[in-house]
């Protein structure tokens, strides 16, 4: 079986503690994920951002080729999910 995505593994290993995500857009933030899980190579996670945008839900899911970890956002005033960016780095956030 091919290796699991390294950023997804890091997020999975850090949660439920806060994790700092850096996106390909240059934005970064601190997130707390209530759940993360792998289905073979596919990765999923759901959580909230704790340093800003607290009224929105966030979702991670691996791309179809398992090479990228996109981050989606669903706000209370929106229908559905919008793409925020691709996660390029993840590390344990200082509490």
N, C-alpha and C. Protein backbone atom coordinates (compact mmCIF):
# COMPACT_ATOMS: atom_id res chain seq x y z
N UNK A 1 0.84 -1.18 0.00
CA UNK A 1 0.00 0.00 0.00
C UNK A 1 0.89 1.25 0.00
N UNK A 2 0.59 2.21 -0.84
CA UNK A 2 1.36 3.45 -0.87
C UNK A 2 1.25 4.19 0.47
N UNK A 3 2.21 5.05 0.70
CA UNK A 3 2.24 5.81 1.94
C UNK A 3 1.05 6.75 2.06
N UNK A 4 0.67 7.02 3.31
CA UNK A 4 -0.37 8.00 3.58
C UNK A 4 0.22 9.40 3.40
N UNK A 5 -0.62 10.36 3.09
CA UNK A 5 -0.17 11.73 2.88
C UNK A 5 0.48 12.25 4.16
N UNK A 6 1.72 12.79 4.10
CA UNK A 6 2.42 13.20 5.32
C UNK A 6 1.74 14.33 6.10
N UNK A 7 1.13 15.29 5.41
CA UNK A 7 0.42 16.37 6.12
C UNK A 7 -0.83 15.83 6.80
N UNK A 8 -1.55 14.95 6.12
CA UNK A 8 -2.74 14.33 6.72
C UNK A 8 -2.36 13.52 7.95
N UNK A 9 -1.26 12.78 7.88
CA UNK A 9 -0.80 12.01 9.05
C UNK A 9 -0.47 12.93 10.21
N UNK A 10 0.18 14.05 9.92
CA UNK A 10 0.54 14.98 11.00
C UNK A 10 -0.72 15.55 11.66
N UNK A 11 -1.69 15.98 10.85
CA UNK A 11 -2.95 16.51 11.40
C UNK A 11 -3.62 15.45 12.27
N UNK A 12 -3.69 14.23 11.75
CA UNK A 12 -4.34 13.13 12.47
C UNK A 12 -3.63 12.85 13.80
N UNK A 13 -2.31 12.91 13.81
CA UNK A 13 -1.56 12.62 15.03
C UNK A 13 -1.65 13.74 16.06
N UNK A 14 -1.82 14.98 15.62
CA UNK A 14 -1.89 16.12 16.55
C UNK A 14 -3.28 16.25 17.16
N UNK A 15 -4.33 16.07 16.38
CA UNK A 15 -5.68 16.26 16.89
C UNK A 15 -5.98 15.26 18.00
N UNK A 16 -6.74 15.62 19.02
CA UNK A 16 -7.64 16.76 19.13
C UNK A 16 -6.98 18.04 19.62
N UNK A 17 -5.66 18.04 19.81
CA UNK A 17 -4.98 19.28 20.19
C UNK A 17 -5.01 20.25 19.00
N UNK A 18 -4.87 21.54 19.26
CA UNK A 18 -4.89 22.52 18.18
C UNK A 18 -3.73 22.32 17.20
N UNK A 19 -4.02 22.55 15.94
CA UNK A 19 -3.02 22.41 14.88
C UNK A 19 -3.01 23.69 14.04
N UNK A 20 -1.80 24.15 13.73
CA UNK A 20 -1.66 25.32 12.86
C UNK A 20 -1.51 24.82 11.42
N UNK A 21 -2.42 25.29 10.57
CA UNK A 21 -2.37 24.92 9.16
C UNK A 21 -1.90 26.11 8.35
N UNK A 22 -1.02 25.86 7.40
CA UNK A 22 -0.59 26.87 6.44
C UNK A 22 -1.16 26.47 5.09
N UNK A 23 -1.77 27.44 4.41
CA UNK A 23 -2.39 27.18 3.12
C UNK A 23 -1.54 27.69 1.97
N UNK A 24 -1.80 27.18 0.78
CA UNK A 24 -1.07 27.61 -0.40
C UNK A 24 -1.33 29.08 -0.75
N UNK A 25 -2.33 29.69 -0.14
CA UNK A 25 -2.65 31.10 -0.36
C UNK A 25 -1.78 32.01 0.50
N UNK A 26 -0.99 31.43 1.40
CA UNK A 26 -0.17 32.19 2.32
C UNK A 26 -0.84 32.41 3.67
N UNK A 27 -2.13 32.12 3.75
CA UNK A 27 -2.87 32.27 5.00
C UNK A 27 -2.54 31.10 5.93
N UNK A 28 -2.57 31.37 7.24
CA UNK A 28 -2.42 30.29 8.21
C UNK A 28 -3.40 30.55 9.34
N UNK A 29 -3.73 29.49 10.06
CA UNK A 29 -4.67 29.62 11.17
C UNK A 29 -4.58 28.42 12.08
N UNK A 30 -5.21 28.55 13.23
CA UNK A 30 -5.22 27.47 14.22
C UNK A 30 -6.59 26.81 14.20
N UNK A 31 -6.58 25.49 14.08
CA UNK A 31 -7.80 24.70 13.94
C UNK A 31 -7.83 23.61 15.00
N UNK A 32 -9.05 23.27 15.41
CA UNK A 32 -9.27 22.11 16.27
C UNK A 32 -10.22 21.18 15.53
N UNK A 33 -9.78 19.97 15.28
CA UNK A 33 -10.59 19.01 14.54
C UNK A 33 -11.25 18.05 15.50
N UNK A 34 -12.57 17.95 15.39
CA UNK A 34 -13.33 17.04 16.25
C UNK A 34 -13.18 15.60 15.79
N UNK A 35 -12.84 15.42 14.51
CA UNK A 35 -12.60 14.07 14.01
C UNK A 35 -11.69 14.14 12.79
N UNK A 36 -10.83 13.16 12.69
CA UNK A 36 -10.04 12.92 11.48
C UNK A 36 -9.98 11.41 11.31
N UNK A 37 -9.99 10.97 10.07
CA UNK A 37 -9.93 9.53 9.83
C UNK A 37 -9.41 9.23 8.44
N UNK A 38 -8.81 8.07 8.33
CA UNK A 38 -8.34 7.55 7.05
C UNK A 38 -9.23 6.40 6.62
N UNK A 39 -9.54 6.34 5.34
CA UNK A 39 -10.18 5.20 4.70
C UNK A 39 -9.19 4.74 3.64
N UNK A 40 -8.34 3.79 4.01
CA UNK A 40 -7.18 3.42 3.22
C UNK A 40 -6.34 4.67 3.03
N UNK A 41 -6.19 5.22 1.82
CA UNK A 41 -5.39 6.44 1.61
C UNK A 41 -6.22 7.72 1.70
N UNK A 42 -7.55 7.59 1.62
CA UNK A 42 -8.41 8.78 1.68
C UNK A 42 -8.44 9.33 3.09
N UNK A 43 -8.34 10.66 3.22
CA UNK A 43 -8.32 11.33 4.51
C UNK A 43 -9.48 12.29 4.61
N UNK A 44 -10.09 12.37 5.79
CA UNK A 44 -11.18 13.31 6.06
C UNK A 44 -11.02 13.87 7.46
N UNK A 45 -11.45 15.11 7.63
CA UNK A 45 -11.43 15.73 8.95
C UNK A 45 -12.45 16.85 9.02
N UNK A 46 -12.99 17.08 10.19
CA UNK A 46 -13.96 18.17 10.40
C UNK A 46 -13.61 18.89 11.68
N UNK A 47 -13.71 20.22 11.63
CA UNK A 47 -13.38 21.00 12.81
C UNK A 47 -13.74 22.46 12.67
N UNK A 48 -13.13 23.26 13.54
CA UNK A 48 -13.37 24.70 13.59
C UNK A 48 -12.04 25.43 13.65
N UNK A 49 -12.10 26.69 13.27
CA UNK A 49 -10.92 27.55 13.40
C UNK A 49 -11.07 28.31 14.71
N UNK A 50 -10.02 28.31 15.53
CA UNK A 50 -10.13 28.90 16.86
C UNK A 50 -9.56 30.31 16.95
N UNK A 51 -8.76 30.74 15.98
CA UNK A 51 -8.16 32.07 16.06
C UNK A 51 -8.91 33.12 15.25
N UNK A 52 -9.90 32.72 14.48
CA UNK A 52 -10.70 33.63 13.66
C UNK A 52 -11.83 32.82 13.03
N UNK A 53 -12.82 33.51 12.48
CA UNK A 53 -13.89 32.83 11.71
C UNK A 53 -14.54 31.70 12.50
N UNK A 54 -14.86 31.98 13.76
CA UNK A 54 -15.36 30.95 14.67
C UNK A 54 -16.77 30.45 14.35
N UNK A 55 -17.51 31.16 13.52
CA UNK A 55 -18.88 30.75 13.20
C UNK A 55 -18.96 29.78 12.03
N UNK A 56 -17.83 29.42 11.47
CA UNK A 56 -17.81 28.54 10.30
C UNK A 56 -17.33 27.14 10.69
N UNK A 57 -17.71 26.17 9.89
CA UNK A 57 -17.20 24.80 10.00
C UNK A 57 -16.17 24.61 8.90
N UNK A 58 -15.18 23.76 9.17
CA UNK A 58 -14.13 23.49 8.19
C UNK A 58 -14.01 22.00 7.97
N UNK A 59 -13.65 21.64 6.75
CA UNK A 59 -13.55 20.22 6.39
C UNK A 59 -12.30 20.01 5.54
N UNK A 60 -11.59 18.94 5.87
CA UNK A 60 -10.44 18.49 5.08
C UNK A 60 -10.83 17.21 4.38
N UNK A 61 -10.39 17.06 3.15
CA UNK A 61 -10.59 15.79 2.44
C UNK A 61 -9.50 15.68 1.39
N UNK A 62 -8.92 14.52 1.26
CA UNK A 62 -7.85 14.35 0.28
C UNK A 62 -8.39 14.48 -1.13
N UNK A 63 -7.51 14.93 -2.03
CA UNK A 63 -7.89 15.04 -3.44
C UNK A 63 -8.04 13.65 -4.04
N UNK A 64 -8.62 13.58 -5.22
CA UNK A 64 -8.85 12.29 -5.88
C UNK A 64 -7.56 11.49 -6.11
N UNK A 65 -6.45 12.20 -6.32
CA UNK A 65 -5.17 11.52 -6.53
C UNK A 65 -4.36 11.36 -5.24
N UNK A 66 -4.93 11.78 -4.10
CA UNK A 66 -4.32 11.68 -2.77
C UNK A 66 -3.06 12.52 -2.62
N UNK A 67 -2.83 13.45 -3.52
CA UNK A 67 -1.61 14.27 -3.49
C UNK A 67 -1.80 15.59 -2.75
N UNK A 68 -3.03 16.03 -2.55
CA UNK A 68 -3.31 17.31 -1.93
C UNK A 68 -4.35 17.15 -0.83
N UNK A 69 -4.32 18.11 0.12
CA UNK A 69 -5.31 18.14 1.20
C UNK A 69 -6.01 19.49 1.14
N UNK A 70 -7.12 19.59 0.41
CA UNK A 70 -7.88 20.84 0.36
C UNK A 70 -8.64 21.10 1.66
N UNK A 71 -8.83 22.38 1.96
CA UNK A 71 -9.59 22.81 3.13
C UNK A 71 -10.83 23.54 2.64
N UNK A 72 -12.00 23.09 3.10
CA UNK A 72 -13.26 23.71 2.73
C UNK A 72 -13.88 24.42 3.92
N UNK A 73 -14.73 25.39 3.63
CA UNK A 73 -15.38 26.20 4.67
C UNK A 73 -16.87 26.26 4.40
N UNK A 74 -17.66 26.18 5.46
CA UNK A 74 -19.11 26.37 5.38
C UNK A 74 -19.52 27.30 6.51
N UNK A 75 -19.93 28.50 6.15
CA UNK A 75 -20.35 29.48 7.14
C UNK A 75 -21.83 29.38 7.43
N UNK A 76 -22.24 29.96 8.53
CA UNK A 76 -23.65 29.91 8.93
C UNK A 76 -24.54 30.67 7.96
N UNK A 77 -23.98 31.61 7.21
CA UNK A 77 -24.75 32.41 6.26
C UNK A 77 -24.61 31.92 4.82
N UNK A 78 -24.05 30.73 4.63
CA UNK A 78 -23.81 30.18 3.30
C UNK A 78 -24.49 28.83 3.13
N UNK A 79 -24.74 28.47 1.90
CA UNK A 79 -25.20 27.12 1.58
C UNK A 79 -24.04 26.36 0.97
N UNK A 80 -23.76 25.20 1.49
CA UNK A 80 -22.70 24.37 0.93
C UNK A 80 -21.31 24.78 1.39
N UNK A 81 -20.34 24.22 0.70
CA UNK A 81 -18.94 24.39 1.05
C UNK A 81 -18.21 25.18 -0.02
N UNK A 82 -17.24 26.00 0.42
CA UNK A 82 -16.38 26.71 -0.52
C UNK A 82 -14.94 26.33 -0.21
N UNK A 83 -14.11 26.32 -1.25
CA UNK A 83 -12.70 25.97 -1.12
C UNK A 83 -11.93 27.16 -0.54
N UNK A 84 -11.19 26.92 0.54
CA UNK A 84 -10.37 27.96 1.15
C UNK A 84 -8.96 27.92 0.59
N UNK A 85 -8.42 26.73 0.42
CA UNK A 85 -7.07 26.56 -0.10
C UNK A 85 -6.58 25.15 0.15
N UNK A 86 -5.36 24.91 -0.26
CA UNK A 86 -4.72 23.61 -0.07
C UNK A 86 -3.77 23.71 1.11
N UNK A 87 -3.81 22.73 2.00
CA UNK A 87 -2.92 22.72 3.16
C UNK A 87 -1.52 22.31 2.68
N UNK A 88 -0.53 23.17 2.96
CA UNK A 88 0.85 22.89 2.56
C UNK A 88 1.75 22.57 3.75
N UNK A 89 1.28 22.88 4.97
CA UNK A 89 2.06 22.56 6.18
C UNK A 89 1.12 22.47 7.36
N UNK A 90 1.48 21.62 8.32
CA UNK A 90 0.70 21.46 9.55
C UNK A 90 1.67 21.19 10.69
N UNK A 91 1.42 21.86 11.80
CA UNK A 91 2.23 21.62 12.99
C UNK A 91 1.39 21.84 14.23
N UNK A 92 1.81 21.26 15.31
CA UNK A 92 1.10 21.43 16.58
C UNK A 92 1.15 22.90 16.98
N UNK A 93 0.01 23.46 17.31
CA UNK A 93 -0.07 24.85 17.73
C UNK A 93 0.30 24.95 19.20
N UNK A 94 0.98 26.01 19.56
CA UNK A 94 1.30 26.24 20.97
C UNK A 94 0.03 26.63 21.70
N UNK A 95 -0.22 26.01 22.82
CA UNK A 95 -1.45 26.29 23.58
C UNK A 95 -1.22 27.35 24.60
